[in-house]
Amino acid sequence: MKKRTKYLILIITFSLLTLFDQFSKILAVKNLKKGSIPLIDGVFELFYLENRGAAWGILSGKISFFTIITVVILICIIFLIIKIEKYDDKKYTVLQILFTILASGALGNLIDRVSKGYVVDFLYFKLIDFPVFNVADCYVTISVIALLFMMLFKFSEDELNNIFSLKKKRKV
């Protein structure tokens, strides 16, 4: 696949995932402020929550901190996606896709923090009283788990060093 085509696909994927996250939050704000909606009674429900912190509400009110960290993470992800392009192997393309999904989740929650001062959460596993989360959180969690799996089982230490090293490879 040509480099331009791959980047176009990644940009479209990133945009659609981010739009879907934002659309789901718009629906949550519109429909859930009146009360929760049980989907599986006593197990899973849609429940509106304004999260002013990170996961589980930690560091509540630190919007500037989260904004800076998220922007740095997004810059690093873009750098890695571009750097990975030089490797001509499909398993590296999977990394680019996973980084794209991760970036969508990061941007989705960043948009909320900057525009509202909090993140809209609405997915709640009532049965285990799991913290309320959202679609962007799902993107982040799934992509990080998949990235860890790839790094542990699909890539050698040398391959990972090449990907994550800031040094340019010297020709011998």
Protein backbone atom coordinates (compact mmCIF):
# COMPACT_ATOMS: atom_id res chain seq x y z
CA MET A 1 0.00 0.00 0.00
CA LYS A 2 1.29 3.44 -0.85
CA LYS A 3 2.36 5.69 2.00
CA ARG A 4 -0.19 8.38 1.09
CA THR A 5 -3.05 5.89 0.93
CA LYS A 6 -2.11 4.37 4.29
CA TYR A 7 -1.92 7.80 5.95
CA LEU A 8 -5.26 8.76 4.41
CA ILE A 9 -6.85 5.59 5.80
CA LEU A 10 -5.31 6.26 9.24
CA ILE A 11 -6.56 9.87 9.21
CA ILE A 12 -10.07 8.80 8.17
CA THR A 13 -10.10 6.09 10.86
CA PHE A 14 -8.87 8.59 13.46
CA SER A 15 -11.53 11.11 12.42
CA LEU A 16 -14.41 8.62 12.36
CA LEU A 17 -13.50 7.13 15.74
CA THR A 18 -13.19 10.58 17.31
CA LEU A 19 -16.51 11.68 15.77
CA PHE A 20 -18.24 8.52 17.01
CA ASP A 21 -16.93 9.18 20.53
CA GLN A 22 -18.13 12.79 20.45
CA PHE A 23 -21.52 11.77 18.99
CA SER A 24 -22.00 9.16 21.74
CA LYS A 25 -21.27 11.82 24.36
CA ILE A 26 -23.74 14.24 22.77
CA LEU A 27 -26.39 11.53 22.98
CA ALA A 28 -25.46 10.83 26.60
CA VAL A 29 -25.79 14.50 27.56
CA LYS A 30 -29.11 14.78 25.73
CA ASN A 31 -30.68 11.58 27.03
CA LEU A 32 -29.09 10.62 30.34
CA LYS A 33 -29.19 13.77 32.47
CA LYS A 34 -32.79 12.86 33.33
CA GLY A 35 -31.77 9.46 34.69
CA SER A 36 -29.98 6.24 33.89
CA ILE A 37 -31.17 3.69 31.35
CA PRO A 38 -30.70 0.04 32.34
CA LEU A 39 -29.64 -2.10 29.38
CA ILE A 40 -29.22 -5.31 31.39
CA ASP A 41 -31.08 -4.83 34.66
CA GLY A 42 -28.69 -4.79 37.61
CA VAL A 43 -25.69 -5.47 35.35
CA PHE A 44 -25.08 -2.74 32.79
CA GLU A 45 -26.63 0.68 32.32
CA LEU A 46 -26.17 4.04 30.69
CA PHE A 47 -25.50 6.49 33.50
CA TYR A 48 -24.51 10.14 33.05
CA LEU A 49 -21.42 11.35 34.92
CA GLU A 50 -19.20 14.41 34.59
CA ASN A 51 -15.64 13.24 35.31
CA ARG A 52 -13.39 16.16 36.23
CA GLY A 53 -10.31 13.98 36.66
CA ALA A 54 -8.62 11.05 34.94
CA ALA A 55 -9.50 7.39 35.35
CA TRP A 56 -11.72 6.91 38.40
CA GLY A 57 -11.71 10.69 38.92
CA ILE A 58 -8.10 10.87 40.11
CA LEU A 59 -6.40 14.28 39.96
CA SER A 60 -9.78 15.96 39.75
CA GLY A 61 -9.74 19.51 38.40
CA LYS A 62 -6.26 19.32 36.83
CA ILE A 63 -7.44 20.21 33.30
CA SER A 64 -4.25 22.08 32.35
CA PHE A 65 -2.14 19.12 33.44
CA PHE A 66 -4.24 16.64 31.44
CA THR A 67 -4.25 18.93 28.41
CA ILE A 68 -0.45 19.21 28.36
CA ILE A 69 0.04 15.46 28.93
CA THR A 70 -2.48 14.57 26.23
CA VAL A 71 -0.92 16.91 23.68
CA VAL A 72 2.53 15.42 24.41
CA ILE A 73 1.11 11.90 24.05
CA LEU A 74 -0.57 12.81 20.75
CA ILE A 75 2.70 14.26 19.41
CA CYS A 76 4.56 11.09 20.44
CA ILE A 77 1.92 8.91 18.76
CA ILE A 78 2.17 10.89 15.51
CA PHE A 79 5.97 10.60 15.67
CA LEU A 80 5.73 6.81 16.16
CA ILE A 81 3.19 6.36 13.36
CA ILE A 82 5.50 8.20 10.97
CA LYS A 83 8.62 6.42 12.23
CA ILE A 84 7.01 2.99 11.90
CA GLU A 85 6.29 3.69 8.21
CA LYS A 86 9.89 2.88 7.26
CA TYR A 87 9.39 -0.78 8.24
CA ASP A 88 7.84 -2.77 5.42
CA ASP A 89 5.94 -5.41 7.36
CA LYS A 90 2.23 -5.83 8.10
CA LYS A 91 2.80 -6.29 11.81
CA TYR A 92 4.10 -2.72 11.91
CA THR A 93 0.94 -1.53 10.16
CA VAL A 94 -1.03 -3.09 13.02
CA LEU A 95 0.97 -0.90 15.41
CA GLN A 96 0.05 2.17 13.37
CA ILE A 97 -3.62 1.22 13.55
CA LEU A 98 -3.45 0.65 17.31
CA PHE A 99 -1.68 3.98 17.83
CA THR A 100 -4.39 5.63 15.72
CA ILE A 101 -7.11 4.13 17.94
CA LEU A 102 -5.22 5.26 21.04
CA ALA A 103 -4.90 8.78 19.64
CA SER A 104 -8.66 8.88 18.91
CA GLY A 105 -9.43 8.05 22.52
CA ALA A 106 -6.96 10.60 23.82
CA LEU A 107 -8.34 13.33 21.56
CA GLY A 108 -11.96 12.45 22.36
CA ASN A 109 -11.43 13.02 26.07
CA LEU A 110 -9.20 16.06 25.43
CA ILE A 111 -12.01 17.70 23.44
CA ASP A 112 -14.33 17.24 26.44
CA ARG A 113 -11.81 18.59 28.94
CA VAL A 114 -11.05 21.68 26.88
CA SER A 115 -14.63 22.44 25.79
CA LYS A 116 -16.55 21.48 28.95
CA GLY A 117 -14.02 21.29 31.77
CA TYR A 118 -14.88 17.63 32.35
CA VAL A 119 -15.20 14.34 30.46
CA VAL A 120 -18.66 12.91 29.79
CA ASP A 121 -18.83 9.30 31.00
CA PHE A 122 -21.91 7.14 30.60
CA LEU A 123 -21.13 3.40 30.44
CA TYR A 124 -21.57 1.69 33.81
CA PHE A 125 -21.18 -1.95 34.89
CA LYS A 126 -23.48 -1.77 37.88
CA LEU A 127 -23.05 -5.43 38.83
CA ILE A 128 -19.41 -4.92 39.84
CA ASP A 129 -19.74 -1.17 40.52
CA PHE A 130 -17.03 -0.48 37.94
CA PRO A 131 -16.24 3.22 37.43
CA VAL A 132 -18.32 4.92 34.75
CA PHE A 133 -16.46 5.29 31.43
CA ASN A 134 -17.02 6.27 27.79
CA VAL A 135 -16.22 5.24 24.22
CA ALA A 136 -12.87 7.10 24.18
CA ASP A 137 -11.88 5.19 27.32
CA CYS A 138 -12.69 1.96 25.47
CA TYR A 139 -10.42 3.00 22.59
CA VAL A 140 -7.57 3.75 24.99
CA THR A 141 -7.99 0.55 27.01
CA ILE A 142 -8.36 -1.79 24.04
CA SER A 143 -5.48 -0.23 22.09
CA VAL A 144 -3.12 -0.24 25.09
CA ILE A 145 -3.88 -3.90 25.86
CA ALA A 146 -3.37 -4.83 22.20
CA LEU A 147 -0.14 -2.79 22.03
CA LEU A 148 1.19 -4.52 25.13
CA PHE A 149 0.28 -7.90 23.65
CA MET A 150 2.06 -7.01 20.40
CA MET A 151 5.13 -5.77 22.24
CA LEU A 152 5.31 -8.84 24.45
CA PHE A 153 4.56 -11.55 21.89
CA LYS A 154 4.97 -10.24 18.32
CA PHE A 155 8.12 -8.14 18.39
CA SER A 156 11.68 -8.94 19.35
CA GLU A 157 13.62 -6.71 21.70
CA ASP A 158 15.67 -5.42 18.73
CA GLU A 159 12.51 -4.53 16.78
CA LEU A 160 11.11 -2.63 19.75
CA ASN A 161 14.41 -0.83 20.27
CA ASN A 162 14.35 0.26 16.61
CA ILE A 163 10.78 1.54 16.90
CA PHE A 164 11.14 3.39 20.20
CA SER A 165 14.73 4.58 19.88
CA LEU A 166 15.31 8.23 19.09
CA LYS A 167 18.72 7.41 17.64
CA LYS A 168 19.14 6.97 13.92
CA LYS A 169 20.48 3.62 12.84
CA ARG A 170 24.11 3.82 11.83
CA LYS A 171 25.18 2.18 8.63
CA VAL A 172 28.19 -0.09 9.03
